[in-house]
Amino acid sequence: MDSAWHIILIFAAFGGFLLAFYIRHKKQARETMICPLDSDCDAVIYSEYSKFFGIPLEILGLLYYGIVAVGYALFLAFPAFASPLAVFGVLTLTITAFLFSLYLTFIQAFALKQWCTWCLMSAGICAIIFATALSVSEFGFISLLDRYHDLIVIGHFLGVALGLGAATITDIFFFKFLKDFRISEWEAEVMRTLSQIIWFALALLVLTGLGLYLPEAEELNQSAKFLVKMVVVAVIIINGAFLNLLVAPKLVKISFGEKHRHATGELHHIRKIAFALGAISIVSWYSAFILGMLRTLPIEFSSLLLIYLFILGGAIIGSQFMERFFVKQANSS
């Protein structure tokens, strides 16, 4: 990589570090942040989404930008440090940060419905670092993926295992919590933690999936199993966004805290949607797991996709019967 590109990446990362430090300073001082977009930055930086696994996002930003700045500074000053493994590690971190910034931007747009100028600037810096680092890597991104194929496979299986386990537990808890027509504060916190595990697993699954796909794109594009698995992963992402960022928060707002008498039909529609999305989640995660475990599958794409959709439809119908059963059980008690 040309030294000029190293310098650009170092300055971009340093700018991101200063931005994260500014947000951290404002939060510690409990000062109101002025938002040039005439929105409410405080609603974003103090929201329930301002931490990931209990760690403030600006701390994660400081760590990421610091590692990138120091990493490329070392690559520039001491070329011997720019080994394939070191470059691969920094690139992996860069791609992860870029995907995470897309997730946070989605939350601002659809969950919080507020924009934070400083957060968008940070997302923009992540995008710049991502595009620059990938396009000018001296080893070639595809060759790095080939070199560390086994490591990527391990990460892929880890993502599937985490996602499958968290999705199973989440659905069990979700159905259990909704049996009494409410989600309490403690239950909401449990759901948020499990949701973060699922998003982490999904990011790992997507990231490693791309790493496995790109070197063998031509061959995998002819694989029905792979193509259906990509459809399943897309369903998991879209379904997860609706369930964890749109539906679950509404349930919490409606029935937060102590038990209370519900108006007729207050939770009817939102509960039915929640049960359906929960069924889609569990079926899709297990479908991804099974498809990933099978080496070959002598079934055409259309047939395999129809099987998945048939199972999905059956699960959705079953979830509605389950929701109705809970309603009858609650009414009779």
Protein backbone atom coordinates (compact mmCIF):
# COMPACT_ATOMS: atom_id res chain seq x y z
CA MET A 1 0.00 0.00 0.00
CA ASP A 2 1.28 3.47 -0.92
CA SER A 3 2.36 5.58 2.06
CA ALA A 4 -0.16 8.28 1.08
CA TRP A 5 -3.01 5.85 1.63
CA HIS A 6 -1.57 4.90 5.02
CA ILE A 7 -1.58 8.58 5.98
CA ILE A 8 -5.18 9.03 4.79
CA LEU A 9 -6.30 6.05 6.86
CA ILE A 10 -4.39 7.27 9.91
CA PHE A 11 -5.94 10.74 9.70
CA ALA A 12 -9.43 9.32 9.11
CA ALA A 13 -9.09 7.04 12.14
CA PHE A 14 -7.68 9.89 14.23
CA GLY A 15 -10.66 12.04 13.24
CA GLY A 16 -13.01 9.25 14.30
CA PHE A 17 -11.13 8.91 17.59
CA LEU A 18 -11.55 12.64 18.31
CA LEU A 19 -15.24 12.42 17.46
CA ALA A 20 -15.77 9.46 19.82
CA PHE A 21 -13.77 11.29 22.51
CA TYR A 22 -15.98 14.38 22.07
CA ILE A 23 -19.16 12.32 22.52
CA ARG A 24 -17.66 10.60 25.57
CA HIS A 25 -16.72 13.95 27.10
CA LYS A 26 -20.21 15.36 26.57
CA LYS A 27 -21.85 12.30 28.10
CA GLN A 28 -19.59 12.29 31.14
CA ALA A 29 -20.22 16.00 31.69
CA ARG A 30 -23.95 15.43 31.10
CA GLU A 31 -23.92 18.32 28.64
CA THR A 32 -26.51 18.73 25.91
CA MET A 33 -25.09 18.03 22.47
CA ILE A 34 -25.88 20.57 19.78
CA CYS A 35 -27.16 18.79 16.68
CA PRO A 36 -26.51 20.63 13.38
CA LEU A 37 -29.27 18.56 11.76
CA ASP A 38 -31.76 20.23 14.11
CA SER A 39 -32.62 16.84 15.56
CA ASP A 40 -32.25 15.48 19.11
CA CYS A 41 -28.73 14.08 19.51
CA ASP A 42 -29.32 13.44 23.22
CA ALA A 43 -32.22 11.11 22.40
CA VAL A 44 -29.73 8.98 20.47
CA ILE A 45 -26.59 9.05 22.62
CA TYR A 46 -28.52 8.47 25.87
CA SER A 47 -30.94 5.89 24.46
CA GLU A 48 -31.15 2.21 25.42
CA TYR A 49 -29.18 1.49 22.23
CA SER A 50 -26.22 3.60 23.35
CA LYS A 51 -24.53 0.54 24.86
CA PHE A 52 -23.62 -2.83 23.40
CA PHE A 53 -23.20 -5.65 25.92
CA GLY A 54 -23.10 -2.93 28.57
CA ILE A 55 -20.21 -1.06 26.91
CA PRO A 56 -20.92 2.54 25.81
CA LEU A 57 -20.69 2.82 22.02
CA GLU A 58 -18.28 5.74 22.18
CA ILE A 59 -15.84 3.53 24.14
CA LEU A 60 -16.07 0.93 21.38
CA GLY A 61 -15.47 3.75 18.90
CA LEU A 62 -12.37 4.92 20.77
CA LEU A 63 -10.99 1.37 20.76
CA TYR A 64 -11.73 0.79 17.07
CA TYR A 65 -10.37 4.09 15.78
CA GLY A 66 -7.37 3.83 18.09
CA ILE A 67 -6.48 0.34 16.84
CA VAL A 68 -6.84 1.40 13.19
CA ALA A 69 -4.75 4.57 13.65
CA VAL A 70 -1.99 2.78 15.56
CA GLY A 71 -2.12 -0.22 13.22
CA TYR A 72 -1.62 1.76 10.02
CA ALA A 73 0.97 3.99 11.73
CA LEU A 74 2.96 0.85 12.55
CA PHE A 75 2.51 -0.47 9.01
CA LEU A 76 3.84 2.84 7.68
CA ALA A 77 6.78 3.23 10.10
CA PHE A 78 7.72 -0.44 10.32
CA PRO A 79 6.73 -2.34 7.13
CA ALA A 80 7.69 -5.63 8.80
CA PHE A 81 4.59 -5.27 10.99
CA ALA A 82 2.37 -5.41 7.88
CA SER A 83 2.26 -9.20 7.84
CA PRO A 84 -0.67 -10.93 6.10
CA LEU A 85 -2.19 -11.88 9.46
CA ALA A 86 -1.92 -8.33 10.85
CA VAL A 87 -3.43 -6.81 7.70
CA PHE A 88 -6.18 -9.43 7.70
CA GLY A 89 -6.97 -8.64 11.34
CA VAL A 90 -7.24 -4.90 10.74
CA LEU A 91 -9.35 -5.42 7.61
CA THR A 92 -11.69 -7.76 9.50
CA LEU A 93 -12.09 -5.18 12.26
CA THR A 94 -12.75 -2.49 9.63
CA ILE A 95 -15.47 -4.52 7.91
CA THR A 96 -17.05 -5.35 11.28
CA ALA A 97 -17.12 -1.68 12.27
CA PHE A 98 -18.68 -0.73 8.93
CA LEU A 99 -21.47 -3.31 9.33
CA PHE A 100 -22.01 -2.18 12.92
CA SER A 101 -22.31 1.43 11.77
CA LEU A 102 -25.03 0.36 9.29
CA TYR A 103 -26.87 -1.36 12.16
CA LEU A 104 -26.67 1.78 14.31
CA THR A 105 -27.86 3.96 11.43
CA PHE A 106 -30.83 1.62 10.96
CA ILE A 107 -31.67 2.02 14.66
CA GLN A 108 -31.64 5.80 14.35
CA ALA A 109 -33.91 5.69 11.33
CA PHE A 110 -36.49 3.10 12.43
CA ALA A 111 -36.25 2.46 16.19
CA LEU A 112 -35.39 5.90 17.61
CA LYS A 113 -36.60 7.97 14.63
CA GLN A 114 -34.02 10.58 15.57
CA TRP A 115 -30.77 11.54 13.87
CA CYS A 116 -27.51 12.33 15.62
CA THR A 117 -25.18 14.36 13.39
CA TRP A 118 -22.08 13.19 15.25
CA CYS A 119 -23.13 9.54 15.00
CA LEU A 120 -23.72 9.92 11.26
CA MET A 121 -20.29 11.54 10.91
CA SER A 122 -18.76 8.54 12.68
CA ALA A 123 -20.63 6.18 10.35
CA GLY A 124 -19.28 8.17 7.40
CA ILE A 125 -15.72 7.85 8.70
CA CYS A 126 -16.24 4.09 9.10
CA ALA A 127 -17.39 3.93 5.47
CA ILE A 128 -14.34 5.90 4.28
CA ILE A 129 -11.93 3.65 6.18
CA PHE A 130 -13.76 0.56 4.94
CA ALA A 131 -13.71 1.57 1.26
CA THR A 132 -10.12 2.83 1.35
CA ALA A 133 -8.64 -0.11 3.27
CA LEU A 134 -10.29 -2.71 1.03
CA SER A 135 -9.43 -1.03 -2.26
CA VAL A 136 -5.72 -0.43 -1.57
CA SER A 137 -4.71 -3.50 0.46
CA GLU A 138 -1.31 -4.65 -0.77
CA PHE A 139 -2.07 -8.34 -0.28
CA GLY A 140 -5.38 -8.37 -2.15
CA PHE A 141 -8.53 -9.04 -0.16
CA ILE A 142 -9.46 -12.26 -1.97
CA SER A 143 -5.99 -13.74 -1.47
CA LEU A 144 -6.23 -12.99 2.26
CA LEU A 145 -9.59 -14.76 2.40
CA ASP A 146 -8.04 -17.79 0.70
CA ARG A 147 -5.09 -17.76 3.07
CA TYR A 148 -7.25 -17.72 6.22
CA HIS A 149 -10.11 -19.89 4.97
CA ASP A 150 -9.99 -22.26 7.96
CA LEU A 151 -10.11 -19.36 10.42
CA ILE A 152 -13.13 -17.93 8.61
CA VAL A 153 -14.89 -21.32 8.74
CA ILE A 154 -14.40 -21.45 12.52
CA GLY A 155 -15.87 -17.96 12.83
CA HIS A 156 -18.81 -18.95 10.62
CA PHE A 157 -19.68 -21.96 12.76
CA LEU A 158 -19.33 -19.82 15.89
CA GLY A 159 -21.80 -17.30 14.43
CA VAL A 160 -24.31 -20.05 13.61
CA ALA A 161 -23.95 -21.63 17.06
CA LEU A 162 -24.38 -18.32 18.90
CA GLY A 163 -27.30 -17.24 16.74
CA LEU A 164 -29.06 -20.59 16.96
CA GLY A 165 -28.70 -20.79 20.73
CA ALA A 166 -29.70 -17.18 21.37
CA ALA A 167 -32.66 -17.37 18.95
CA THR A 168 -33.94 -20.55 20.63
CA ILE A 169 -33.68 -19.04 24.11
CA THR A 170 -35.16 -15.76 22.90
CA ASP A 171 -38.22 -17.43 21.40
CA ILE A 172 -38.80 -19.54 24.52
CA PHE A 173 -38.56 -16.46 26.75
CA PHE A 174 -40.57 -14.33 24.34
CA PHE A 175 -43.51 -16.72 24.28
CA LYS A 176 -43.25 -17.22 28.06
CA PHE A 177 -43.17 -13.49 28.79
CA LEU A 178 -46.18 -12.83 26.57
CA LYS A 179 -48.34 -15.46 28.27
CA ASP A 180 -49.32 -12.97 30.98
CA PHE A 181 -50.08 -10.21 28.43
CA ARG A 182 -47.15 -8.05 29.48
CA ILE A 183 -43.38 -7.68 29.35
CA SER A 184 -41.88 -6.39 32.58
CA GLU A 185 -38.77 -4.23 32.97
CA TRP A 186 -36.60 -7.23 33.88
CA GLU A 187 -37.99 -9.27 31.00
CA ALA A 188 -37.37 -6.39 28.60
CA GLU A 189 -33.74 -6.21 29.73
CA VAL A 190 -33.31 -9.96 29.18
CA MET A 191 -34.76 -9.60 25.69
CA ARG A 192 -32.43 -6.70 24.88
CA THR A 193 -29.37 -8.70 25.94
CA LEU A 194 -30.41 -11.72 23.89
CA SER A 195 -31.17 -9.44 20.95
CA GLN A 196 -27.63 -8.05 21.08
CA ILE A 197 -26.21 -11.59 21.10
CA ILE A 198 -28.31 -12.43 18.04
CA TRP A 199 -27.19 -9.30 16.18
CA PHE A 200 -23.56 -10.06 17.06
CA ALA A 201 -23.98 -13.64 15.81
CA LEU A 202 -25.72 -12.44 12.66
CA ALA A 203 -22.94 -9.95 11.94
CA LEU A 204 -20.38 -12.73 12.42
CA LEU A 205 -22.42 -15.00 10.16
CA VAL A 206 -22.68 -12.39 7.40
CA LEU A 207 -19.04 -11.33 7.70
CA THR A 208 -17.63 -14.84 7.59
CA GLY A 209 -20.20 -15.86 4.97
CA LEU A 210 -18.88 -13.16 2.66
CA GLY A 211 -15.36 -14.34 3.42
CA LEU A 212 -16.27 -17.86 2.32
CA TYR A 213 -18.30 -16.72 -0.67
CA LEU A 214 -16.01 -14.27 -2.45
CA PRO A 215 -13.12 -16.68 -3.26
CA GLU A 216 -15.58 -19.29 -4.58
CA ALA A 217 -18.35 -17.06 -5.92
CA GLU A 218 -18.62 -18.72 -9.33
CA GLU A 219 -19.02 -22.20 -7.88
CA LEU A 220 -21.34 -21.19 -5.02
CA ASN A 221 -23.64 -19.28 -7.38
CA GLN A 222 -24.47 -22.66 -8.92
CA SER A 223 -25.27 -24.26 -5.54
CA ALA A 224 -28.98 -24.46 -4.68
CA LYS A 225 -28.11 -25.12 -1.04
CA PHE A 226 -26.01 -21.98 -0.81
CA LEU A 227 -28.54 -19.76 -2.60
CA VAL A 228 -31.39 -20.90 -0.36
CA LYS A 229 -29.20 -20.35 2.68
CA MET A 230 -28.64 -16.76 1.51
CA VAL A 231 -32.41 -16.31 1.25
CA VAL A 232 -32.75 -17.69 4.78
CA VAL A 233 -30.10 -15.31 6.15
CA ALA A 234 -31.86 -12.38 4.45
CA VAL A 235 -35.12 -13.45 6.11
CA ILE A 236 -33.35 -13.62 9.49
CA ILE A 237 -32.00 -10.08 9.07
CA ILE A 238 -35.31 -8.53 7.97
CA ASN A 239 -37.36 -10.50 10.49
CA GLY A 240 -34.93 -9.67 13.30
CA ALA A 241 -35.11 -5.98 12.48
CA PHE A 242 -38.91 -5.99 12.70
CA LEU A 243 -39.09 -8.18 15.81
CA ASN A 244 -36.31 -6.67 17.92
CA LEU A 245 -36.38 -3.04 16.82
CA LEU A 246 -40.04 -2.39 16.00
CA VAL A 247 -42.43 -4.96 17.51
CA ALA A 248 -40.76 -5.79 20.85
CA PRO A 249 -40.34 -2.10 21.88
CA LYS A 250 -44.04 -1.51 21.20
CA LEU A 251 -44.97 -4.43 23.43
CA VAL A 252 -42.79 -3.06 26.20
CA LYS A 253 -44.33 0.42 25.92
CA ILE A 254 -47.85 -0.97 26.01
CA SER A 255 -47.37 -3.28 29.00
CA PHE A 256 -44.34 -2.04 30.91
CA GLY A 257 -44.17 -2.65 34.65
CA GLU A 258 -46.95 -3.98 36.87
CA LYS A 259 -49.95 -5.97 35.70
CA HIS A 260 -52.94 -4.00 34.56
CA ARG A 261 -56.31 -4.65 32.91
CA HIS A 262 -56.05 -4.45 29.17
CA ALA A 263 -58.65 -2.90 26.95
CA THR A 264 -60.30 -5.30 24.56
CA GLY A 265 -57.97 -5.98 21.67
CA GLU A 266 -55.18 -3.77 23.04
CA LEU A 267 -52.47 -6.32 22.43
CA HIS A 268 -54.28 -8.61 20.02
CA HIS A 269 -52.69 -7.57 16.72
CA ILE A 270 -49.22 -6.79 18.03
CA ARG A 271 -49.10 -10.12 19.92
CA LYS A 272 -50.12 -12.08 16.84
CA ILE A 273 -47.39 -10.34 14.82
CA ALA A 274 -44.84 -11.02 17.58
CA PHE A 275 -45.69 -14.73 17.68
CA ALA A 276 -45.48 -14.97 13.88
CA LEU A 277 -42.10 -13.22 13.77
CA GLY A 278 -40.83 -15.44 16.58
CA ALA A 279 -41.80 -18.52 14.57
CA ILE A 280 -40.06 -17.15 11.48
CA SER A 281 -36.93 -16.51 13.54
CA ILE A 282 -36.60 -19.99 15.01
CA VAL A 283 -37.40 -21.81 11.75
CA SER A 284 -34.95 -19.66 9.78
CA TRP A 285 -32.07 -20.07 12.23
CA TYR A 286 -32.50 -23.86 12.29
CA SER A 287 -32.82 -23.89 8.49
CA ALA A 288 -29.54 -21.97 8.18
CA PHE A 289 -27.91 -24.41 10.61
CA ILE A 290 -29.11 -27.50 8.73
CA LEU A 291 -28.17 -26.10 5.32
CA GLY A 292 -24.74 -25.20 6.63
CA MET A 293 -24.16 -28.70 8.01
CA LEU A 294 -25.08 -30.50 4.78
CA ARG A 295 -22.19 -30.81 2.33
CA THR A 296 -24.35 -31.60 -0.67
CA LEU A 297 -28.07 -31.59 -1.30
CA PRO A 298 -29.36 -33.04 -4.59
CA ILE A 299 -32.40 -30.75 -4.78
CA GLU A 300 -33.03 -27.88 -7.18
CA PHE A 301 -33.17 -24.30 -5.92
CA SER A 302 -36.90 -23.85 -6.50
CA SER A 303 -37.79 -27.14 -4.75
CA LEU A 304 -35.54 -26.42 -1.78
CA LEU A 305 -36.91 -22.89 -1.46
CA LEU A 306 -40.49 -24.20 -1.56
CA ILE A 307 -39.67 -26.66 1.23
CA TYR A 308 -38.32 -23.82 3.37
CA LEU A 309 -41.34 -21.60 2.62
CA PHE A 310 -43.73 -24.48 3.37
CA ILE A 311 -42.11 -25.09 6.77
CA LEU A 312 -42.12 -21.35 7.40
CA GLY A 313 -45.81 -21.09 6.58
CA GLY A 314 -46.62 -24.02 8.86
CA ALA A 315 -44.67 -22.43 11.71
CA ILE A 316 -46.50 -19.12 11.28
CA ILE A 317 -49.90 -20.84 11.33
CA GLY A 318 -48.85 -22.84 14.38
CA SER A 319 -47.73 -19.67 16.17
CA GLN A 320 -51.18 -18.16 15.68
CA PHE A 321 -52.85 -21.21 17.22
CA MET A 322 -50.39 -20.96 20.11
CA GLU A 323 -51.23 -17.28 20.62
CA ARG A 324 -54.96 -18.08 20.59
CA PHE A 325 -54.39 -20.90 23.09
CA PHE A 326 -52.63 -18.53 25.48
CA VAL A 327 -55.47 -16.01 25.14
CA LYS A 328 -58.11 -18.64 25.95
CA GLN A 329 -56.04 -19.95 28.84
CA ALA A 330 -55.66 -16.45 30.26
CA ASN A 331 -59.37 -15.66 29.87
CA SER A 332 -60.41 -18.87 31.61
CA SER A 333 -58.11 -18.31 34.60
